[in-house]
N, C-alpha and C. Protein backbone atom coordinates (compact mmCIF):
# COMPACT_ATOMS: atom_id res chain seq x y z
N MET A 1 19.21 3.51 -11.96
CA MET A 1 18.24 2.57 -11.53
C MET A 1 18.87 1.12 -11.76
N GLU A 2 19.76 0.93 -12.78
CA GLU A 2 20.32 -0.33 -13.05
C GLU A 2 20.94 -1.00 -11.82
N GLN A 3 21.61 -0.18 -11.03
CA GLN A 3 22.28 -0.63 -9.89
C GLN A 3 21.36 -1.11 -8.78
N VAL A 4 20.16 -0.44 -8.74
CA VAL A 4 19.06 -0.85 -7.84
C VAL A 4 18.61 -2.25 -8.20
N TRP A 5 18.32 -2.45 -9.43
CA TRP A 5 17.82 -3.81 -9.92
C TRP A 5 18.85 -4.96 -9.67
N GLN A 6 20.09 -4.63 -9.78
CA GLN A 6 21.07 -5.64 -9.56
C GLN A 6 21.13 -6.00 -8.04
N LYS A 7 20.66 -5.15 -7.25
CA LYS A 7 20.73 -5.42 -5.76
C LYS A 7 19.47 -6.28 -5.31
N ILE A 8 18.41 -6.34 -6.09
CA ILE A 8 17.19 -6.85 -5.64
C ILE A 8 16.89 -8.27 -6.29
N LYS A 9 16.69 -9.27 -5.47
CA LYS A 9 16.44 -10.59 -5.96
C LYS A 9 15.06 -10.92 -6.01
N PHE A 10 14.44 -10.74 -7.16
CA PHE A 10 13.07 -11.14 -7.46
C PHE A 10 13.05 -12.66 -7.54
N ASN A 11 11.96 -13.30 -7.19
CA ASN A 11 11.82 -14.74 -7.27
C ASN A 11 11.53 -15.26 -8.66
N ASP A 12 11.35 -16.52 -8.86
CA ASP A 12 11.22 -17.08 -10.27
C ASP A 12 9.98 -16.42 -10.96
N GLN A 13 8.96 -15.88 -10.19
CA GLN A 13 7.86 -15.35 -10.91
C GLN A 13 8.13 -13.79 -11.03
N GLY A 14 9.31 -13.34 -10.77
CA GLY A 14 9.64 -11.93 -10.89
C GLY A 14 8.97 -11.03 -9.79
N LEU A 15 8.82 -11.67 -8.61
CA LEU A 15 8.11 -10.96 -7.52
C LEU A 15 9.06 -10.87 -6.30
N ILE A 16 8.78 -10.00 -5.43
CA ILE A 16 9.46 -9.74 -4.09
C ILE A 16 8.43 -9.52 -3.11
N PRO A 17 8.43 -10.12 -1.89
CA PRO A 17 7.45 -9.88 -0.84
C PRO A 17 7.79 -8.55 -0.15
N VAL A 18 6.76 -7.81 0.23
CA VAL A 18 6.87 -6.51 0.79
C VAL A 18 6.07 -6.38 2.03
N ILE A 19 6.65 -6.10 3.13
CA ILE A 19 6.04 -5.84 4.40
C ILE A 19 5.80 -4.31 4.42
N VAL A 20 4.47 -3.91 4.73
CA VAL A 20 4.14 -2.62 4.87
C VAL A 20 3.91 -2.14 6.40
N GLN A 21 4.58 -1.09 6.79
CA GLN A 21 4.53 -0.69 8.17
C GLN A 21 4.17 0.80 8.28
N GLU A 22 3.31 1.08 9.22
CA GLU A 22 2.95 2.46 9.41
C GLU A 22 4.11 3.17 10.15
N VAL A 23 4.55 4.18 9.51
CA VAL A 23 5.83 4.88 9.92
C VAL A 23 5.81 5.44 11.36
N LYS A 24 4.59 5.94 11.69
CA LYS A 24 4.50 6.68 13.05
C LYS A 24 4.25 5.60 14.21
N SER A 25 3.26 4.82 14.05
CA SER A 25 2.96 3.83 15.11
C SER A 25 3.86 2.62 15.21
N GLY A 26 4.39 2.31 14.01
CA GLY A 26 5.21 1.10 13.93
C GLY A 26 4.35 -0.20 13.61
N LYS A 27 3.06 0.05 13.57
CA LYS A 27 2.18 -1.21 13.27
C LYS A 27 2.39 -1.72 11.88
N VAL A 28 2.46 -3.07 11.88
CA VAL A 28 2.50 -3.78 10.58
C VAL A 28 1.09 -3.78 10.03
N LEU A 29 1.03 -3.35 8.79
CA LEU A 29 -0.33 -3.15 8.12
C LEU A 29 -0.62 -4.28 7.17
N MET A 30 0.29 -4.77 6.38
CA MET A 30 -0.05 -5.83 5.31
C MET A 30 1.21 -6.35 4.77
N LEU A 31 1.01 -7.50 4.10
CA LEU A 31 2.10 -8.17 3.31
C LEU A 31 1.56 -8.23 1.83
N ALA A 32 2.38 -7.84 0.87
CA ALA A 32 2.00 -7.78 -0.55
C ALA A 32 3.17 -8.17 -1.36
N TYR A 33 3.09 -8.10 -2.63
CA TYR A 33 4.18 -8.45 -3.55
C TYR A 33 4.37 -7.31 -4.55
N MET A 34 5.63 -7.03 -4.94
CA MET A 34 5.90 -6.19 -6.02
C MET A 34 6.75 -6.90 -7.09
N ASN A 35 6.44 -6.52 -8.38
CA ASN A 35 7.41 -6.83 -9.43
C ASN A 35 8.18 -5.56 -9.77
N GLN A 36 9.09 -5.70 -10.76
CA GLN A 36 9.94 -4.64 -11.02
C GLN A 36 9.16 -3.24 -11.45
N GLU A 37 8.17 -3.44 -12.22
CA GLU A 37 7.25 -2.32 -12.51
C GLU A 37 6.60 -1.65 -11.41
N ALA A 38 6.04 -2.49 -10.55
CA ALA A 38 5.38 -2.04 -9.28
C ALA A 38 6.35 -1.22 -8.44
N LEU A 39 7.52 -1.68 -8.29
CA LEU A 39 8.61 -0.97 -7.52
C LEU A 39 8.95 0.27 -8.19
N GLU A 40 9.05 0.34 -9.51
CA GLU A 40 9.34 1.51 -10.25
C GLU A 40 8.34 2.49 -10.03
N GLN A 41 6.96 2.16 -10.08
CA GLN A 41 5.91 3.09 -9.87
C GLN A 41 5.83 3.59 -8.44
N THR A 42 6.31 2.69 -7.46
CA THR A 42 6.26 3.21 -6.13
C THR A 42 7.34 4.20 -5.86
N LEU A 43 8.47 4.06 -6.49
CA LEU A 43 9.59 4.94 -6.32
C LEU A 43 9.23 6.28 -7.03
N GLN A 44 8.65 6.29 -8.16
CA GLN A 44 8.31 7.41 -8.99
C GLN A 44 7.05 8.25 -8.43
N THR A 45 6.06 7.53 -7.91
CA THR A 45 4.85 8.27 -7.44
C THR A 45 4.85 8.64 -5.95
N GLY A 46 5.60 7.81 -5.27
CA GLY A 46 5.62 8.09 -3.74
C GLY A 46 4.42 7.46 -3.00
N THR A 47 3.55 6.61 -3.75
CA THR A 47 2.52 5.80 -3.16
C THR A 47 2.82 4.24 -3.45
N THR A 48 2.24 3.39 -2.69
CA THR A 48 2.50 2.07 -2.95
C THR A 48 1.82 1.45 -4.12
N TRP A 49 2.57 0.70 -4.89
CA TRP A 49 2.05 -0.12 -6.01
C TRP A 49 2.45 -1.57 -5.84
N PHE A 50 1.62 -2.46 -6.10
CA PHE A 50 1.81 -3.84 -5.93
C PHE A 50 1.42 -4.70 -7.15
N TYR A 51 1.83 -5.95 -7.02
CA TYR A 51 1.35 -6.82 -8.19
C TYR A 51 0.51 -7.89 -7.59
N SER A 52 -0.82 -8.03 -8.09
CA SER A 52 -1.77 -8.86 -7.57
C SER A 52 -1.55 -10.25 -8.19
N ARG A 53 -1.19 -11.24 -7.37
CA ARG A 53 -0.96 -12.59 -7.91
C ARG A 53 -2.38 -13.27 -8.37
N SER A 54 -3.43 -12.91 -7.75
CA SER A 54 -4.67 -13.58 -8.14
C SER A 54 -5.33 -13.04 -9.36
N ARG A 55 -5.14 -11.56 -9.55
CA ARG A 55 -5.67 -10.92 -10.72
C ARG A 55 -4.55 -10.73 -11.82
N GLN A 56 -3.34 -11.08 -11.42
CA GLN A 56 -2.09 -10.95 -12.29
C GLN A 56 -2.13 -9.54 -13.05
N LYS A 57 -2.20 -8.58 -12.17
CA LYS A 57 -2.01 -7.23 -12.65
C LYS A 57 -1.51 -6.30 -11.65
N LEU A 58 -1.05 -5.11 -12.10
CA LEU A 58 -0.53 -4.10 -11.21
C LEU A 58 -1.64 -3.33 -10.57
N TRP A 59 -1.54 -3.00 -9.29
CA TRP A 59 -2.61 -2.14 -8.68
C TRP A 59 -1.95 -1.10 -7.76
N ASN A 60 -2.53 0.06 -7.68
CA ASN A 60 -2.06 1.13 -6.77
C ASN A 60 -2.94 1.08 -5.59
N LYS A 61 -2.39 0.84 -4.48
CA LYS A 61 -3.13 0.79 -3.17
C LYS A 61 -3.87 2.15 -2.91
N GLY A 62 -5.25 1.94 -2.86
CA GLY A 62 -6.05 3.16 -2.59
C GLY A 62 -6.76 3.71 -3.78
N GLU A 63 -6.52 3.27 -4.92
CA GLU A 63 -7.04 3.78 -6.18
C GLU A 63 -8.42 3.62 -6.26
N ILE A 64 -9.09 2.66 -5.59
CA ILE A 64 -10.63 2.39 -5.51
C ILE A 64 -11.03 2.94 -4.18
N SER A 65 -10.44 2.52 -3.10
CA SER A 65 -10.97 2.78 -1.72
C SER A 65 -10.64 4.33 -1.28
N GLY A 66 -9.57 4.82 -1.86
CA GLY A 66 -9.06 6.13 -1.36
C GLY A 66 -8.09 5.96 -0.14
N ASN A 67 -7.85 4.77 0.24
CA ASN A 67 -6.96 4.44 1.42
C ASN A 67 -5.49 4.41 0.91
N TYR A 68 -4.98 5.56 0.46
CA TYR A 68 -3.60 5.50 -0.21
C TYR A 68 -2.62 5.33 0.92
N GLN A 69 -1.39 4.85 0.55
CA GLN A 69 -0.23 4.81 1.36
C GLN A 69 0.90 5.68 0.89
N LYS A 70 1.17 6.73 1.62
CA LYS A 70 2.21 7.66 1.17
C LYS A 70 3.59 7.05 1.69
N VAL A 71 4.43 6.77 0.69
CA VAL A 71 5.68 6.10 1.09
C VAL A 71 6.58 7.09 1.65
N LYS A 72 7.21 6.68 2.82
CA LYS A 72 8.28 7.55 3.50
C LYS A 72 9.74 6.98 3.34
N ARG A 73 9.79 5.64 3.55
CA ARG A 73 11.10 5.04 3.39
C ARG A 73 11.00 3.64 2.93
N LEU A 74 11.98 3.12 2.21
CA LEU A 74 12.01 1.67 1.82
C LEU A 74 13.23 1.08 2.21
N PHE A 75 13.26 -0.19 2.64
CA PHE A 75 14.48 -0.87 3.08
C PHE A 75 14.49 -2.32 2.52
N LEU A 76 15.68 -2.70 2.14
CA LEU A 76 15.99 -4.01 1.60
C LEU A 76 16.59 -4.89 2.64
N ASP A 77 16.14 -6.14 2.85
CA ASP A 77 16.63 -7.00 3.79
C ASP A 77 18.01 -7.49 3.48
N CYS A 78 18.60 -8.32 4.46
CA CYS A 78 20.02 -8.66 4.28
C CYS A 78 20.25 -9.64 3.10
N ASP A 79 19.19 -10.50 2.80
CA ASP A 79 19.33 -11.43 1.76
C ASP A 79 18.92 -10.81 0.40
N GLU A 80 18.43 -9.51 0.36
CA GLU A 80 18.11 -8.74 -0.82
C GLU A 80 16.87 -9.49 -1.52
N ASP A 81 16.01 -10.24 -0.71
CA ASP A 81 14.85 -10.80 -1.28
C ASP A 81 13.59 -10.54 -0.64
N ALA A 82 13.56 -9.32 0.08
CA ALA A 82 12.37 -8.92 0.70
C ALA A 82 12.54 -7.39 0.97
N LEU A 83 11.31 -6.63 1.08
CA LEU A 83 11.36 -5.21 1.20
C LEU A 83 10.47 -4.85 2.44
N LEU A 84 10.95 -3.83 3.10
CA LEU A 84 10.08 -3.24 4.07
C LEU A 84 9.86 -1.82 3.69
N VAL A 85 8.57 -1.42 3.60
CA VAL A 85 8.14 0.00 3.11
C VAL A 85 7.42 0.62 4.31
N GLN A 86 7.87 1.76 4.77
CA GLN A 86 7.28 2.51 5.77
C GLN A 86 6.40 3.57 5.14
N VAL A 87 5.17 3.60 5.57
CA VAL A 87 4.18 4.51 4.90
C VAL A 87 3.32 5.40 5.95
N GLU A 88 2.75 6.48 5.46
CA GLU A 88 1.64 7.12 6.15
C GLU A 88 0.39 6.58 5.57
N GLN A 89 -0.40 5.88 6.31
CA GLN A 89 -1.64 5.22 6.00
C GLN A 89 -2.88 6.14 6.01
N THR A 90 -3.58 6.27 4.94
CA THR A 90 -4.85 7.06 4.89
C THR A 90 -5.94 5.94 5.34
N ARG A 91 -6.56 6.41 6.41
CA ARG A 91 -7.71 5.62 6.92
C ARG A 91 -7.14 4.21 7.28
N VAL A 92 -7.60 3.11 6.56
CA VAL A 92 -7.36 1.82 6.91
C VAL A 92 -6.56 1.10 5.76
N ALA A 93 -5.78 0.08 6.06
CA ALA A 93 -5.05 -0.61 5.09
C ALA A 93 -5.71 -1.86 4.58
N CYS A 94 -6.52 -2.51 5.38
CA CYS A 94 -7.15 -3.79 4.94
C CYS A 94 -8.53 -3.66 4.19
N HIS A 95 -8.70 -4.46 3.17
CA HIS A 95 -9.91 -4.30 2.42
C HIS A 95 -11.14 -4.72 3.17
N THR A 96 -10.99 -5.36 4.37
CA THR A 96 -12.15 -5.75 5.24
C THR A 96 -12.60 -4.59 6.09
N GLY A 97 -11.85 -3.54 6.13
CA GLY A 97 -12.16 -2.34 6.81
C GLY A 97 -11.42 -2.27 8.19
N PHE A 98 -10.51 -3.18 8.39
CA PHE A 98 -9.69 -3.03 9.64
C PHE A 98 -8.46 -2.28 9.27
N TYR A 99 -7.89 -1.65 10.36
CA TYR A 99 -6.71 -0.80 10.06
C TYR A 99 -5.48 -1.65 9.54
N SER A 100 -5.26 -2.83 10.07
CA SER A 100 -4.25 -3.70 9.64
C SER A 100 -4.82 -5.04 9.14
N CYS A 101 -4.21 -5.63 8.25
CA CYS A 101 -4.60 -6.96 7.74
C CYS A 101 -4.39 -8.04 8.87
N PHE A 102 -3.52 -7.69 9.74
CA PHE A 102 -3.22 -8.67 10.86
C PHE A 102 -4.10 -8.44 11.94
N HIS A 103 -5.44 -8.72 11.92
CA HIS A 103 -6.38 -8.30 12.89
C HIS A 103 -6.90 -9.50 13.57
N ARG A 104 -6.41 -10.72 13.47
CA ARG A 104 -6.69 -11.96 14.22
C ARG A 104 -5.44 -12.47 14.81
N GLU A 105 -5.63 -13.09 15.98
CA GLU A 105 -4.43 -13.64 16.67
C GLU A 105 -4.42 -15.17 16.56
N LEU A 106 -3.40 -15.82 16.26
CA LEU A 106 -3.23 -17.21 16.16
C LEU A 106 -2.70 -17.73 17.53
N THR A 107 -3.39 -18.68 18.17
CA THR A 107 -2.94 -19.25 19.47
C THR A 107 -3.08 -20.85 19.33
N LYS A 108 -2.61 -21.54 20.30
CA LYS A 108 -2.69 -22.98 20.19
C LYS A 108 -4.07 -23.38 20.32
N GLU A 109 -5.10 -22.58 20.74
CA GLU A 109 -6.51 -22.98 20.76
C GLU A 109 -7.15 -22.72 19.45
N GLY A 110 -6.45 -21.86 18.56
CA GLY A 110 -7.15 -21.59 17.23
C GLY A 110 -6.90 -20.11 16.98
N VAL A 111 -7.82 -19.65 16.13
CA VAL A 111 -7.78 -18.20 15.66
C VAL A 111 -8.81 -17.35 16.28
N THR A 112 -8.35 -16.27 16.81
CA THR A 112 -9.38 -15.47 17.69
C THR A 112 -10.25 -14.70 16.60
N GLU A 113 -11.28 -14.01 17.23
CA GLU A 113 -12.18 -13.18 16.38
C GLU A 113 -11.37 -11.96 15.97
N ALA A 114 -11.74 -11.36 14.77
CA ALA A 114 -11.11 -10.09 14.42
C ALA A 114 -11.32 -9.00 15.41
N SER A 115 -10.21 -8.19 15.56
CA SER A 115 -10.19 -7.12 16.50
C SER A 115 -9.57 -5.85 16.02
N ALA A 116 -10.24 -4.75 16.16
CA ALA A 116 -9.68 -3.43 15.62
C ALA A 116 -8.36 -3.12 16.36
N SER A 117 -8.10 -3.67 17.54
CA SER A 117 -6.95 -3.35 18.29
C SER A 117 -5.62 -4.16 17.87
N PHE A 118 -5.95 -5.07 16.96
CA PHE A 118 -4.78 -5.95 16.60
C PHE A 118 -4.16 -5.48 15.31
N PRO A 119 -2.86 -5.57 15.11
CA PRO A 119 -1.89 -6.06 16.20
C PRO A 119 -1.77 -5.01 17.18
N PRO A 120 -1.52 -5.50 18.40
CA PRO A 120 -1.42 -4.41 19.58
C PRO A 120 -0.17 -3.59 19.42
N PHE A 121 -0.13 -2.41 20.01
CA PHE A 121 0.98 -1.60 20.01
C PHE A 121 2.06 -2.30 20.83
N SER A 122 3.33 -2.10 20.40
CA SER A 122 4.49 -2.62 21.30
C SER A 122 4.57 -1.73 22.53
N LEU A 123 5.16 -2.24 23.56
CA LEU A 123 5.34 -1.47 24.78
C LEU A 123 5.96 -0.04 24.59
N SER A 124 7.00 -0.06 23.60
CA SER A 124 7.62 1.27 23.23
C SER A 124 6.63 2.28 22.63
N SER A 125 5.60 1.73 22.00
CA SER A 125 4.65 2.64 21.28
C SER A 125 3.31 2.73 22.09
N PHE A 126 3.41 2.33 23.39
CA PHE A 126 2.04 2.40 24.25
C PHE A 126 1.58 3.71 24.43
N LEU A 127 2.40 4.73 24.48
CA LEU A 127 1.91 6.10 24.77
C LEU A 127 1.11 6.49 23.54
N VAL A 128 1.24 6.03 22.39
CA VAL A 128 0.51 6.36 21.22
C VAL A 128 -0.93 5.82 21.50
N GLU A 129 -0.98 4.56 21.87
CA GLU A 129 -2.27 3.90 22.21
C GLU A 129 -3.05 4.63 23.37
N LEU A 130 -2.28 5.07 24.38
CA LEU A 130 -2.85 5.77 25.46
C LEU A 130 -3.39 7.13 25.01
N PHE A 131 -2.69 7.75 24.21
CA PHE A 131 -3.17 9.05 23.72
C PHE A 131 -4.44 8.88 22.82
N GLU A 132 -4.50 7.76 22.07
CA GLU A 132 -5.70 7.48 21.23
C GLU A 132 -6.88 7.30 22.24
N VAL A 133 -6.70 6.60 23.40
CA VAL A 133 -7.78 6.36 24.31
C VAL A 133 -8.18 7.73 24.98
N ILE A 134 -7.23 8.48 25.30
CA ILE A 134 -7.56 9.87 25.84
C ILE A 134 -8.33 10.72 24.86
N GLU A 135 -7.88 10.72 23.55
CA GLU A 135 -8.69 11.34 22.46
C GLU A 135 -10.13 10.84 22.42
N GLU A 136 -10.29 9.52 22.52
CA GLU A 136 -11.59 8.91 22.43
C GLU A 136 -12.56 9.37 23.62
N ARG A 137 -11.95 9.42 24.83
CA ARG A 137 -12.81 9.95 26.07
C ARG A 137 -13.12 11.43 25.88
N LYS A 138 -12.20 12.12 25.26
CA LYS A 138 -12.57 13.49 25.05
C LYS A 138 -13.73 13.77 24.02
N ASN A 139 -13.67 13.01 22.88
CA ASN A 139 -14.48 13.11 21.91
C ASN A 139 -15.94 12.50 22.17
N ASN A 140 -15.82 11.40 22.99
CA ASN A 140 -17.05 10.63 23.27
C ASN A 140 -17.06 10.37 24.81
N PRO A 141 -17.33 11.37 25.56
CA PRO A 141 -17.37 11.26 27.06
C PRO A 141 -18.10 10.14 27.67
N GLN A 142 -17.57 9.64 28.60
CA GLN A 142 -18.22 8.55 29.38
C GLN A 142 -18.38 8.96 30.84
N SER A 143 -19.59 8.74 31.45
CA SER A 143 -19.95 9.21 32.75
C SER A 143 -18.93 8.49 33.86
N ASP A 144 -18.44 7.38 33.64
CA ASP A 144 -17.65 6.80 34.55
C ASP A 144 -16.13 6.84 34.35
N SER A 145 -15.78 7.76 33.38
CA SER A 145 -14.36 7.94 32.94
C SER A 145 -13.76 9.12 33.70
N TYR A 146 -12.60 8.85 34.35
CA TYR A 146 -11.85 9.94 35.02
C TYR A 146 -11.26 10.95 33.95
N THR A 147 -10.84 10.35 32.75
CA THR A 147 -10.45 11.24 31.72
C THR A 147 -11.48 12.15 31.26
N SER A 148 -12.57 11.64 30.98
CA SER A 148 -13.71 12.50 30.46
C SER A 148 -14.09 13.53 31.49
N LYS A 149 -14.07 13.21 32.82
CA LYS A 149 -14.31 14.21 33.83
C LYS A 149 -13.22 15.37 33.81
N LEU A 150 -12.04 14.98 33.56
CA LEU A 150 -10.99 15.98 33.50
C LEU A 150 -11.20 16.93 32.42
N PHE A 151 -11.59 16.46 31.28
CA PHE A 151 -11.89 17.33 30.18
C PHE A 151 -13.07 18.29 30.46
N GLN A 152 -14.03 17.77 31.22
CA GLN A 152 -15.24 18.55 31.49
C GLN A 152 -14.93 19.60 32.50
N THR A 153 -13.97 19.36 33.42
CA THR A 153 -13.60 20.40 34.44
C THR A 153 -12.91 21.49 33.80
N GLY A 154 -12.13 21.24 32.72
CA GLY A 154 -11.36 22.28 32.07
C GLY A 154 -9.92 22.35 32.25
N LYS A 155 -9.37 23.29 31.51
CA LYS A 155 -7.86 23.36 31.52
C LYS A 155 -7.28 23.60 32.87
N GLU A 156 -7.85 24.53 33.60
CA GLU A 156 -7.35 24.87 34.99
C GLU A 156 -7.15 23.62 35.82
N LYS A 157 -8.10 22.77 35.87
CA LYS A 157 -8.04 21.61 36.70
C LYS A 157 -6.93 20.70 36.15
N ILE A 158 -6.81 20.58 34.87
CA ILE A 158 -5.71 19.71 34.34
C ILE A 158 -4.34 20.28 34.66
N LEU A 159 -4.14 21.57 34.64
CA LEU A 159 -2.93 22.25 35.06
C LEU A 159 -2.61 22.02 36.47
N ARG A 160 -3.62 22.06 37.36
CA ARG A 160 -3.43 21.87 38.70
C ARG A 160 -3.02 20.34 38.98
N LYS A 161 -3.54 19.48 38.27
CA LYS A 161 -3.09 18.12 38.38
C LYS A 161 -1.73 17.93 37.93
N ILE A 162 -1.20 18.57 36.83
CA ILE A 162 0.16 18.45 36.40
C ILE A 162 1.09 18.99 37.48
N SER A 163 0.65 20.11 38.10
CA SER A 163 1.50 20.76 39.04
C SER A 163 1.68 19.82 40.31
N GLU A 164 0.55 19.19 40.68
CA GLU A 164 0.56 18.25 41.89
C GLU A 164 1.44 17.11 41.58
N GLU A 165 1.24 16.45 40.28
CA GLU A 165 2.01 15.31 40.01
C GLU A 165 3.52 15.50 39.82
N THR A 166 3.85 16.79 39.39
CA THR A 166 5.28 17.17 39.20
C THR A 166 5.95 17.24 40.60
N THR A 167 5.12 17.71 41.56
CA THR A 167 5.68 17.70 42.99
C THR A 167 5.89 16.38 43.52
N GLU A 168 4.90 15.43 43.19
CA GLU A 168 4.89 14.13 43.64
C GLU A 168 6.15 13.40 43.02
N VAL A 169 6.49 13.69 41.81
CA VAL A 169 7.57 13.08 41.16
C VAL A 169 8.91 13.51 41.81
N ILE A 170 9.02 14.83 42.06
CA ILE A 170 10.23 15.35 42.79
C ILE A 170 10.44 14.73 44.10
N LEU A 171 9.33 14.62 44.92
CA LEU A 171 9.49 14.08 46.18
C LEU A 171 9.83 12.57 46.15
N ALA A 172 9.25 11.87 45.15
CA ALA A 172 9.55 10.45 45.07
C ALA A 172 11.04 10.27 44.63
N ALA A 173 11.51 11.20 43.89
CA ALA A 173 12.95 11.05 43.38
C ALA A 173 13.93 11.28 44.50
N LEU A 174 13.47 11.98 45.53
CA LEU A 174 14.33 12.28 46.67
C LEU A 174 14.38 11.25 47.75
N GLU A 175 13.45 10.28 47.60
CA GLU A 175 13.36 9.13 48.52
C GLU A 175 14.51 8.14 48.27
N GLU A 176 14.99 7.54 49.34
CA GLU A 176 16.01 6.54 49.19
C GLU A 176 15.24 5.22 48.87
N ASN A 177 15.71 4.50 47.92
CA ASN A 177 15.05 3.17 47.42
C ASN A 177 13.61 3.44 47.02
N GLY A 178 13.35 4.61 46.32
CA GLY A 178 12.00 4.97 46.01
C GLY A 178 11.73 4.74 44.48
N LYS A 179 12.38 3.77 43.86
CA LYS A 179 12.24 3.59 42.41
C LYS A 179 10.73 3.20 42.13
N GLU A 180 10.11 2.39 42.89
CA GLU A 180 8.70 1.92 42.66
C GLU A 180 7.80 3.17 42.81
N HIS A 181 7.99 3.93 43.86
CA HIS A 181 7.11 5.16 44.01
C HIS A 181 7.37 6.11 42.90
N LEU A 182 8.68 6.28 42.45
CA LEU A 182 8.95 7.29 41.35
C LEU A 182 8.25 6.78 40.12
N THR A 183 8.34 5.45 39.85
CA THR A 183 7.76 4.93 38.64
C THR A 183 6.30 5.18 38.62
N TRP A 184 5.61 5.09 39.75
CA TRP A 184 4.17 5.34 39.80
C TRP A 184 3.85 6.79 39.62
N GLU A 185 4.64 7.59 40.22
CA GLU A 185 4.37 9.12 40.12
C GLU A 185 4.64 9.55 38.69
N ALA A 186 5.73 8.96 38.10
CA ALA A 186 6.07 9.42 36.71
C ALA A 186 5.01 9.04 35.78
N ALA A 187 4.42 7.86 35.92
CA ALA A 187 3.27 7.42 35.08
C ALA A 187 2.11 8.48 35.16
N ASP A 188 1.85 8.83 36.49
CA ASP A 188 0.71 9.79 36.69
C ASP A 188 0.89 11.12 35.99
N LEU A 189 2.23 11.59 36.10
CA LEU A 189 2.60 12.77 35.41
C LEU A 189 2.46 12.72 33.98
N ILE A 190 2.87 11.69 33.36
CA ILE A 190 2.92 11.56 31.89
C ILE A 190 1.46 11.43 31.37
N TYR A 191 0.61 10.77 32.10
CA TYR A 191 -0.79 10.64 31.77
C TYR A 191 -1.34 11.98 31.70
N HIS A 192 -1.21 12.71 32.80
CA HIS A 192 -1.78 14.07 32.83
C HIS A 192 -1.37 15.09 31.79
N LEU A 193 -0.03 14.85 31.47
CA LEU A 193 0.59 15.69 30.36
C LEU A 193 -0.07 15.40 29.11
N LEU A 194 -0.37 14.11 28.88
CA LEU A 194 -1.03 13.72 27.63
C LEU A 194 -2.44 14.21 27.55
N VAL A 195 -3.06 14.30 28.57
CA VAL A 195 -4.43 14.89 28.69
C VAL A 195 -4.35 16.43 28.42
N LEU A 196 -3.31 17.08 28.91
CA LEU A 196 -3.14 18.50 28.48
C LEU A 196 -2.95 18.72 27.01
N LEU A 197 -2.10 17.86 26.46
CA LEU A 197 -1.77 17.96 25.05
C LEU A 197 -3.09 17.85 24.20
N SER A 198 -3.88 16.76 24.59
CA SER A 198 -5.11 16.50 23.93
C SER A 198 -6.04 17.73 24.02
N GLN A 199 -6.10 18.24 25.28
CA GLN A 199 -7.10 19.39 25.45
C GLN A 199 -6.57 20.63 24.66
N ALA A 200 -5.25 20.71 24.45
CA ALA A 200 -4.64 21.88 23.62
C ALA A 200 -4.64 21.54 22.13
N GLU A 201 -5.32 20.42 21.72
CA GLU A 201 -5.28 19.99 20.32
C GLU A 201 -3.82 19.84 19.74
N ILE A 202 -3.03 19.30 20.57
CA ILE A 202 -1.65 18.89 20.03
C ILE A 202 -1.53 17.43 20.00
N ASP A 203 -1.19 17.03 18.86
CA ASP A 203 -1.04 15.54 18.71
C ASP A 203 0.27 14.95 19.26
N TRP A 204 0.15 13.81 19.94
CA TRP A 204 1.33 13.28 20.46
C TRP A 204 2.55 13.08 19.56
N TYR A 205 2.11 12.70 18.27
CA TYR A 205 3.19 12.58 17.23
C TYR A 205 3.91 13.93 17.05
N GLN A 206 3.24 15.03 17.27
CA GLN A 206 3.98 16.35 17.02
C GLN A 206 5.07 16.52 18.11
N VAL A 207 4.84 16.03 19.29
CA VAL A 207 5.83 16.06 20.29
C VAL A 207 7.08 15.14 19.91
N LEU A 208 6.68 13.94 19.60
CA LEU A 208 7.67 13.01 19.19
C LEU A 208 8.65 13.51 18.03
N ALA A 209 7.87 14.14 17.05
CA ALA A 209 8.66 14.61 15.87
C ALA A 209 9.52 15.80 16.38
N GLU A 210 9.11 16.63 17.26
CA GLU A 210 10.00 17.69 17.79
C GLU A 210 11.21 17.09 18.52
N LEU A 211 11.02 16.06 19.25
CA LEU A 211 12.13 15.38 20.00
C LEU A 211 13.13 14.76 18.98
N GLN A 212 12.63 14.15 17.98
CA GLN A 212 13.38 13.51 16.95
C GLN A 212 14.19 14.68 16.24
N LYS A 213 13.52 15.74 15.86
CA LYS A 213 14.24 16.86 15.17
C LYS A 213 15.46 17.35 16.09
N ARG A 214 15.19 17.46 17.36
CA ARG A 214 16.23 17.98 18.22
C ARG A 214 17.43 17.04 18.28
N ARG A 215 17.18 15.76 18.28
CA ARG A 215 18.12 14.67 18.32
C ARG A 215 19.04 14.76 17.04
N LYS A 216 18.41 14.85 15.94
CA LYS A 216 19.14 14.75 14.71
C LYS A 216 19.45 16.15 14.08
N GLY A 217 18.75 17.19 14.58
CA GLY A 217 19.02 18.54 14.11
C GLY A 217 18.40 18.76 12.82
N LYS A 218 17.48 17.93 12.46
CA LYS A 218 16.75 18.12 11.18
C LYS A 218 15.48 17.28 11.23
N GLU A 219 14.63 17.54 10.27
CA GLU A 219 13.37 16.77 10.01
C GLU A 219 13.68 15.30 9.68
N PRO A 220 12.78 14.44 10.13
CA PRO A 220 12.97 12.98 9.72
C PRO A 220 13.11 12.89 8.28
N GLN A 221 14.03 12.08 7.69
CA GLN A 221 14.24 11.95 6.36
C GLN A 221 13.18 11.18 5.56
N ASN A 222 12.82 11.71 4.46
CA ASN A 222 11.92 11.03 3.59
C ASN A 222 12.78 10.75 2.26
N THR A 223 12.99 9.42 2.04
CA THR A 223 13.90 9.10 0.91
C THR A 223 13.25 9.30 -0.44
N LEU A 224 11.99 9.60 -0.58
CA LEU A 224 11.37 9.81 -1.79
C LEU A 224 11.24 11.25 -2.13
N ASP A 225 11.58 12.19 -1.20
CA ASP A 225 11.46 13.63 -1.32
C ASP A 225 12.71 14.07 -2.20
């Protein structure tokens, strides 16, 4: 461990800023600080420990609320004076009840109202957001929702739609200069595939994990295991 401490530049107060990121969605959850003891506890226990500057004491995230953060990986920045910790978040990260502490947007007009959707998913993670919407429509049906109606009609209807959309994708791919059409049809197919996965009680993250495993030939690495 001595080599570890030699690599980390704590500030004059013996602290280092830590960005906490949800490992699956990529959402930034919070910013906190660790001292050497907090980092030691984090590495040893596999859950996040921080140093409270206001209370001047060590605290284990979730010890009161139950909203623990299971640490998956830690990264040190190029200047060796900041940490990124990727976690699996239990329930919410913010003490206000929001999933992320970054739940207000700052614009030139001012600060917006708090929103559970902030910070938004990046475009690369949008399928995660879409899957969450599909799950919501399944669990809380709405009369004007196409997704809710699909679930109500059952698996056979969903499979028929996937078959239809697959054919549309193939036909669009055969067209000359059909990129726009192919993009449209591919989006339809992906959406209906997500509906099928939700209907089958398969989480989208399970599919991503399987693809990741195939690429690397092993399960995603957990540096604390």
